[in-house]
N, C-alpha and C. Protein backbone atom coordinates (compact mmCIF):
# COMPACT_ATOMS: atom_id res chain seq x y z
N UNK A 1 -58.87 -62.39 -71.95
CA UNK A 1 -59.30 -63.52 -72.73
C UNK A 1 -60.53 -64.14 -72.07
N UNK A 2 -61.60 -64.40 -72.82
CA UNK A 2 -62.80 -64.98 -72.23
C UNK A 2 -62.55 -66.44 -71.84
N UNK A 3 -63.33 -66.95 -70.87
CA UNK A 3 -63.15 -68.35 -70.47
C UNK A 3 -63.50 -69.30 -71.62
N UNK A 4 -62.86 -70.45 -71.63
CA UNK A 4 -63.10 -71.45 -72.67
C UNK A 4 -64.53 -71.97 -72.59
N UNK A 5 -65.10 -72.25 -73.75
CA UNK A 5 -66.45 -72.80 -73.78
C UNK A 5 -66.40 -74.29 -73.48
N UNK A 6 -67.48 -74.80 -72.95
CA UNK A 6 -67.58 -76.20 -72.60
C UNK A 6 -68.80 -76.79 -73.30
N UNK A 7 -68.85 -78.10 -73.44
CA UNK A 7 -69.91 -78.75 -74.21
C UNK A 7 -71.06 -79.22 -73.34
N UNK A 8 -72.25 -79.12 -73.92
CA UNK A 8 -73.49 -79.61 -73.33
C UNK A 8 -74.20 -80.40 -74.42
N UNK A 9 -74.94 -81.46 -74.04
CA UNK A 9 -75.67 -82.24 -75.03
C UNK A 9 -77.12 -82.41 -74.62
N UNK A 10 -77.96 -82.59 -75.64
CA UNK A 10 -79.36 -82.98 -75.45
C UNK A 10 -79.48 -84.35 -76.09
N UNK A 11 -79.68 -85.38 -75.28
CA UNK A 11 -79.74 -86.75 -75.80
C UNK A 11 -80.96 -86.99 -76.69
N UNK A 12 -82.17 -86.52 -76.32
CA UNK A 12 -83.31 -86.75 -77.21
C UNK A 12 -83.15 -86.11 -78.59
N UNK A 13 -82.54 -84.94 -78.66
CA UNK A 13 -82.35 -84.24 -79.94
C UNK A 13 -81.08 -84.67 -80.66
N UNK A 14 -80.20 -85.38 -79.97
CA UNK A 14 -78.88 -85.75 -80.50
C UNK A 14 -78.14 -84.49 -80.97
N UNK A 15 -78.08 -83.53 -80.08
CA UNK A 15 -77.46 -82.25 -80.41
C UNK A 15 -76.45 -81.88 -79.33
N UNK A 16 -75.35 -81.24 -79.75
CA UNK A 16 -74.32 -80.77 -78.82
C UNK A 16 -74.15 -79.27 -79.01
N UNK A 17 -73.90 -78.57 -77.91
CA UNK A 17 -73.74 -77.12 -77.92
C UNK A 17 -72.53 -76.73 -77.09
N UNK A 18 -71.74 -75.81 -77.59
CA UNK A 18 -70.62 -75.25 -76.80
C UNK A 18 -71.12 -73.94 -76.22
N UNK A 19 -70.98 -73.80 -74.90
CA UNK A 19 -71.44 -72.60 -74.22
C UNK A 19 -70.41 -72.19 -73.18
N UNK A 20 -70.38 -70.90 -72.84
CA UNK A 20 -69.45 -70.46 -71.80
C UNK A 20 -69.86 -71.04 -70.45
N UNK A 21 -68.89 -71.21 -69.55
CA UNK A 21 -69.23 -71.74 -68.22
C UNK A 21 -70.08 -70.75 -67.44
N UNK A 22 -70.78 -71.26 -66.43
CA UNK A 22 -71.61 -70.40 -65.58
C UNK A 22 -70.74 -69.45 -64.78
N UNK A 23 -71.29 -68.31 -64.48
CA UNK A 23 -70.55 -67.36 -63.65
C UNK A 23 -70.58 -67.83 -62.21
N UNK A 24 -69.64 -67.36 -61.42
CA UNK A 24 -69.52 -67.79 -60.02
C UNK A 24 -70.82 -67.70 -59.25
N UNK A 25 -71.19 -68.81 -58.62
CA UNK A 25 -72.38 -68.84 -57.76
C UNK A 25 -73.68 -69.14 -58.49
N UNK A 26 -73.69 -69.08 -59.84
CA UNK A 26 -74.91 -69.37 -60.57
C UNK A 26 -75.12 -70.87 -60.69
N UNK A 27 -76.39 -71.26 -60.70
CA UNK A 27 -76.70 -72.66 -60.94
C UNK A 27 -76.53 -72.93 -62.43
N UNK A 28 -75.91 -74.04 -62.77
CA UNK A 28 -75.56 -74.31 -64.16
C UNK A 28 -76.58 -75.21 -64.85
N UNK A 29 -77.82 -74.77 -64.95
CA UNK A 29 -78.85 -75.51 -65.67
C UNK A 29 -79.04 -74.87 -67.02
N UNK A 30 -78.87 -75.66 -68.07
CA UNK A 30 -79.00 -75.16 -69.43
C UNK A 30 -80.20 -75.83 -70.09
N UNK A 31 -80.82 -75.13 -71.02
CA UNK A 31 -82.01 -75.63 -71.70
C UNK A 31 -81.72 -75.79 -73.19
N UNK A 32 -82.17 -76.89 -73.76
CA UNK A 32 -81.99 -77.17 -75.18
C UNK A 32 -82.83 -76.19 -76.00
N UNK A 33 -82.23 -75.53 -76.99
CA UNK A 33 -82.99 -74.60 -77.82
C UNK A 33 -84.00 -75.30 -78.74
N UNK A 34 -83.84 -76.61 -78.95
CA UNK A 34 -84.77 -77.34 -79.83
C UNK A 34 -86.00 -77.84 -79.09
N UNK A 35 -85.78 -78.53 -77.95
CA UNK A 35 -86.91 -79.18 -77.26
C UNK A 35 -87.21 -78.61 -75.88
N UNK A 36 -86.41 -77.69 -75.41
CA UNK A 36 -86.54 -77.07 -74.09
C UNK A 36 -86.27 -78.06 -72.95
N UNK A 37 -85.67 -79.20 -73.26
CA UNK A 37 -85.26 -80.14 -72.22
C UNK A 37 -83.94 -79.69 -71.61
N UNK A 38 -83.58 -80.32 -70.51
CA UNK A 38 -82.34 -79.95 -69.82
C UNK A 38 -81.12 -80.51 -70.56
N UNK A 39 -80.11 -79.68 -70.73
CA UNK A 39 -78.86 -80.12 -71.34
C UNK A 39 -77.96 -80.75 -70.28
N UNK A 40 -77.14 -81.70 -70.71
CA UNK A 40 -76.20 -82.38 -69.82
C UNK A 40 -74.81 -81.84 -70.09
N UNK A 41 -74.12 -81.43 -69.02
CA UNK A 41 -72.75 -80.92 -69.16
C UNK A 41 -71.84 -82.12 -69.36
N UNK A 42 -71.07 -82.11 -70.48
CA UNK A 42 -70.20 -83.24 -70.79
C UNK A 42 -68.72 -82.92 -70.69
N UNK A 43 -68.34 -81.64 -70.68
CA UNK A 43 -66.93 -81.27 -70.52
C UNK A 43 -66.35 -80.63 -71.76
N UNK A 44 -65.12 -80.17 -71.63
CA UNK A 44 -64.47 -79.42 -72.71
C UNK A 44 -63.84 -80.32 -73.77
N UNK A 45 -63.54 -81.56 -73.46
CA UNK A 45 -62.85 -82.45 -74.39
C UNK A 45 -63.82 -83.41 -75.07
N UNK A 46 -64.98 -82.91 -75.46
CA UNK A 46 -66.04 -83.74 -76.03
C UNK A 46 -66.17 -83.50 -77.53
N UNK A 47 -66.33 -84.58 -78.27
CA UNK A 47 -66.63 -84.50 -79.70
C UNK A 47 -67.89 -85.33 -79.94
N UNK A 48 -68.95 -84.70 -80.39
CA UNK A 48 -70.23 -85.37 -80.57
C UNK A 48 -70.21 -86.30 -81.78
N UNK A 49 -70.90 -87.45 -81.66
CA UNK A 49 -71.04 -88.30 -82.85
C UNK A 49 -72.00 -87.63 -83.83
N UNK A 50 -71.96 -88.01 -85.10
CA UNK A 50 -72.92 -87.46 -86.05
C UNK A 50 -74.36 -87.77 -85.60
N UNK A 51 -75.29 -86.90 -85.92
CA UNK A 51 -76.67 -87.05 -85.47
C UNK A 51 -77.28 -88.38 -85.91
N UNK A 52 -76.94 -88.88 -87.08
CA UNK A 52 -77.53 -90.13 -87.57
C UNK A 52 -76.83 -91.38 -87.04
N UNK A 53 -75.77 -91.23 -86.26
CA UNK A 53 -75.04 -92.35 -85.67
C UNK A 53 -75.78 -92.82 -84.41
N UNK A 54 -76.78 -93.65 -84.61
CA UNK A 54 -77.63 -94.12 -83.51
C UNK A 54 -76.82 -94.84 -82.43
N UNK A 55 -75.93 -95.72 -82.85
CA UNK A 55 -75.13 -96.47 -81.88
C UNK A 55 -74.22 -95.54 -81.08
N UNK A 56 -73.60 -94.57 -81.74
CA UNK A 56 -72.73 -93.63 -81.05
C UNK A 56 -73.48 -92.85 -79.97
N UNK A 57 -74.70 -92.41 -80.28
CA UNK A 57 -75.49 -91.66 -79.29
C UNK A 57 -75.98 -92.58 -78.17
N UNK A 58 -76.24 -93.85 -78.48
CA UNK A 58 -76.64 -94.79 -77.42
C UNK A 58 -75.47 -95.04 -76.46
N UNK A 59 -74.27 -95.21 -77.02
CA UNK A 59 -73.07 -95.38 -76.20
C UNK A 59 -72.86 -94.14 -75.33
N UNK A 60 -72.99 -92.96 -75.94
CA UNK A 60 -72.84 -91.72 -75.20
C UNK A 60 -73.86 -91.63 -74.06
N UNK A 61 -75.09 -92.00 -74.33
CA UNK A 61 -76.12 -91.99 -73.30
C UNK A 61 -75.76 -92.91 -72.13
N UNK A 62 -75.28 -94.11 -72.43
CA UNK A 62 -74.87 -95.05 -71.38
C UNK A 62 -73.71 -94.47 -70.55
N UNK A 63 -72.75 -93.86 -71.23
CA UNK A 63 -71.61 -93.27 -70.52
C UNK A 63 -72.07 -92.14 -69.59
N UNK A 64 -72.91 -91.25 -70.11
CA UNK A 64 -73.35 -90.10 -69.31
C UNK A 64 -74.20 -90.54 -68.13
N UNK A 65 -75.07 -91.52 -68.33
CA UNK A 65 -75.90 -92.00 -67.22
C UNK A 65 -75.08 -92.75 -66.16
N UNK A 66 -73.92 -93.25 -66.55
CA UNK A 66 -73.03 -93.91 -65.59
C UNK A 66 -72.15 -92.89 -64.86
N UNK A 67 -72.19 -91.62 -65.30
CA UNK A 67 -71.41 -90.58 -64.63
C UNK A 67 -70.10 -90.25 -65.30
N UNK A 68 -69.84 -90.79 -66.50
CA UNK A 68 -68.59 -90.53 -67.21
C UNK A 68 -68.73 -89.21 -67.97
N UNK A 69 -67.72 -88.36 -67.85
CA UNK A 69 -67.70 -87.07 -68.55
C UNK A 69 -66.41 -86.95 -69.35
N UNK A 70 -66.27 -85.87 -70.09
CA UNK A 70 -65.16 -85.67 -71.01
C UNK A 70 -64.36 -84.44 -70.61
N UNK A 71 -63.74 -84.49 -69.46
CA UNK A 71 -62.93 -83.37 -68.97
C UNK A 71 -61.47 -83.64 -69.28
N UNK A 72 -60.69 -82.58 -69.32
CA UNK A 72 -59.25 -82.72 -69.58
C UNK A 72 -58.59 -83.38 -68.39
N UNK A 73 -57.49 -84.06 -68.66
CA UNK A 73 -56.78 -84.79 -67.62
C UNK A 73 -55.98 -83.90 -66.69
N UNK A 74 -55.47 -82.77 -67.18
CA UNK A 74 -54.68 -81.88 -66.33
C UNK A 74 -55.01 -80.43 -66.66
N UNK A 75 -54.44 -79.51 -65.93
CA UNK A 75 -54.77 -78.10 -66.10
C UNK A 75 -54.36 -77.53 -67.45
N UNK A 76 -53.34 -78.08 -68.08
CA UNK A 76 -52.91 -77.54 -69.37
C UNK A 76 -53.60 -78.21 -70.55
N UNK A 77 -54.37 -79.27 -70.29
CA UNK A 77 -55.12 -79.93 -71.35
C UNK A 77 -54.33 -80.92 -72.19
N UNK A 78 -53.16 -81.32 -71.73
CA UNK A 78 -52.33 -82.20 -72.56
C UNK A 78 -52.77 -83.65 -72.53
N UNK A 79 -53.45 -84.09 -71.50
CA UNK A 79 -53.80 -85.50 -71.38
C UNK A 79 -55.10 -85.88 -72.07
N UNK A 80 -55.98 -84.95 -72.32
CA UNK A 80 -57.28 -85.27 -72.91
C UNK A 80 -58.14 -86.01 -71.90
N UNK A 81 -59.29 -86.49 -72.33
CA UNK A 81 -60.20 -87.14 -71.39
C UNK A 81 -59.85 -88.58 -71.10
N UNK A 82 -58.94 -89.17 -71.85
CA UNK A 82 -58.60 -90.58 -71.64
C UNK A 82 -59.49 -91.47 -72.50
N UNK A 83 -59.42 -92.77 -72.25
CA UNK A 83 -60.18 -93.74 -73.05
C UNK A 83 -61.67 -93.62 -72.77
N UNK A 84 -62.48 -93.72 -73.82
CA UNK A 84 -63.92 -93.82 -73.73
C UNK A 84 -64.36 -94.85 -74.77
N UNK A 85 -65.23 -95.81 -74.40
CA UNK A 85 -65.68 -96.80 -75.38
C UNK A 85 -66.50 -96.12 -76.49
N UNK A 86 -66.40 -96.66 -77.70
CA UNK A 86 -67.12 -96.07 -78.84
C UNK A 86 -68.19 -97.00 -79.42
N UNK A 87 -68.19 -98.27 -79.01
CA UNK A 87 -69.18 -99.21 -79.55
C UNK A 87 -69.95 -99.85 -78.41
N UNK A 88 -71.14 -100.36 -78.73
CA UNK A 88 -71.94 -101.05 -77.72
C UNK A 88 -71.24 -102.31 -77.23
N UNK A 89 -70.48 -102.95 -78.12
CA UNK A 89 -69.74 -104.14 -77.71
C UNK A 89 -68.73 -103.81 -76.61
N UNK A 90 -67.99 -102.73 -76.79
CA UNK A 90 -67.02 -102.30 -75.77
C UNK A 90 -67.72 -101.96 -74.46
N UNK A 91 -68.88 -101.32 -74.54
CA UNK A 91 -69.64 -100.98 -73.33
C UNK A 91 -70.10 -102.26 -72.63
N UNK A 92 -70.65 -103.20 -73.41
CA UNK A 92 -71.13 -104.46 -72.81
C UNK A 92 -70.00 -105.23 -72.13
N UNK A 93 -68.83 -105.28 -72.77
CA UNK A 93 -67.69 -105.97 -72.17
C UNK A 93 -67.32 -105.35 -70.83
N UNK A 94 -67.31 -104.03 -70.76
CA UNK A 94 -66.92 -103.34 -69.54
C UNK A 94 -68.00 -103.45 -68.46
N UNK A 95 -69.27 -103.50 -68.89
CA UNK A 95 -70.35 -103.69 -67.92
C UNK A 95 -70.28 -105.09 -67.31
N UNK A 96 -70.01 -106.09 -68.13
CA UNK A 96 -69.87 -107.46 -67.63
C UNK A 96 -68.68 -107.55 -66.68
N UNK A 97 -67.58 -106.89 -67.03
CA UNK A 97 -66.40 -106.86 -66.16
C UNK A 97 -66.74 -106.21 -64.81
N UNK A 98 -67.49 -105.13 -64.83
CA UNK A 98 -67.87 -104.44 -63.59
C UNK A 98 -68.74 -105.34 -62.72
N UNK A 99 -69.70 -106.03 -63.34
CA UNK A 99 -70.56 -106.94 -62.57
C UNK A 99 -69.75 -108.09 -61.97
N UNK A 100 -68.82 -108.63 -62.78
CA UNK A 100 -68.03 -109.79 -62.36
C UNK A 100 -67.06 -109.44 -61.23
N UNK A 101 -66.45 -108.27 -61.29
CA UNK A 101 -65.40 -107.92 -60.33
C UNK A 101 -65.87 -107.01 -59.20
N UNK A 102 -67.03 -106.37 -59.38
CA UNK A 102 -67.50 -105.43 -58.35
C UNK A 102 -66.91 -104.04 -58.50
N UNK A 103 -66.15 -103.81 -59.56
CA UNK A 103 -65.58 -102.48 -59.81
C UNK A 103 -66.72 -101.52 -60.16
N UNK A 104 -66.67 -100.28 -59.71
CA UNK A 104 -67.71 -99.32 -60.07
C UNK A 104 -67.83 -99.19 -61.59
N UNK A 105 -69.06 -99.07 -62.08
CA UNK A 105 -69.31 -99.05 -63.51
C UNK A 105 -68.58 -97.90 -64.20
N UNK A 106 -68.60 -96.71 -63.62
CA UNK A 106 -67.94 -95.56 -64.25
C UNK A 106 -66.44 -95.82 -64.43
N UNK A 107 -65.81 -96.47 -63.47
CA UNK A 107 -64.38 -96.76 -63.58
C UNK A 107 -64.13 -97.85 -64.63
N UNK A 108 -64.99 -98.87 -64.68
CA UNK A 108 -64.82 -99.94 -65.65
C UNK A 108 -65.02 -99.43 -67.08
N UNK A 109 -65.92 -98.46 -67.27
CA UNK A 109 -66.18 -97.94 -68.61
C UNK A 109 -65.01 -97.17 -69.19
N UNK A 110 -64.19 -96.56 -68.35
CA UNK A 110 -63.06 -95.78 -68.87
C UNK A 110 -61.75 -96.55 -68.85
N UNK A 111 -61.83 -97.84 -68.57
CA UNK A 111 -60.66 -98.72 -68.57
C UNK A 111 -60.27 -99.05 -70.01
N UNK A 112 -59.05 -98.70 -70.45
CA UNK A 112 -58.67 -98.96 -71.84
C UNK A 112 -58.56 -100.45 -72.17
N UNK A 113 -58.05 -101.24 -71.24
CA UNK A 113 -57.87 -102.68 -71.46
C UNK A 113 -58.48 -103.44 -70.31
N UNK A 114 -59.13 -104.53 -70.63
CA UNK A 114 -59.68 -105.39 -69.58
C UNK A 114 -58.71 -106.52 -69.30
N UNK A 115 -58.50 -106.83 -68.02
CA UNK A 115 -57.60 -107.94 -67.69
C UNK A 115 -58.19 -109.28 -68.07
């Protein structure tokens, strides 16, 4: 059985691609077929927003630049990636919480509920 494909995105093109993982020892740099820019590895549990969903892609960009990815929670894939904010309002709330408490931004962004 071939290895499972994983997702890569190009933020400027608002495009997502499923590709096989890199072979052992290879550097995992992928190039966008549309703009030739570098693709960002987002993980196997990723579902791209529609291309015209500007807010969804902006939220995704903020998550990726903060270091948040969409990997499965366990080896069998039963947990999924966990909570990820879907609106700019949710992102802003979690960013304010991170600034207020000193919690790392990546951890605050994946927090399902704020205290």
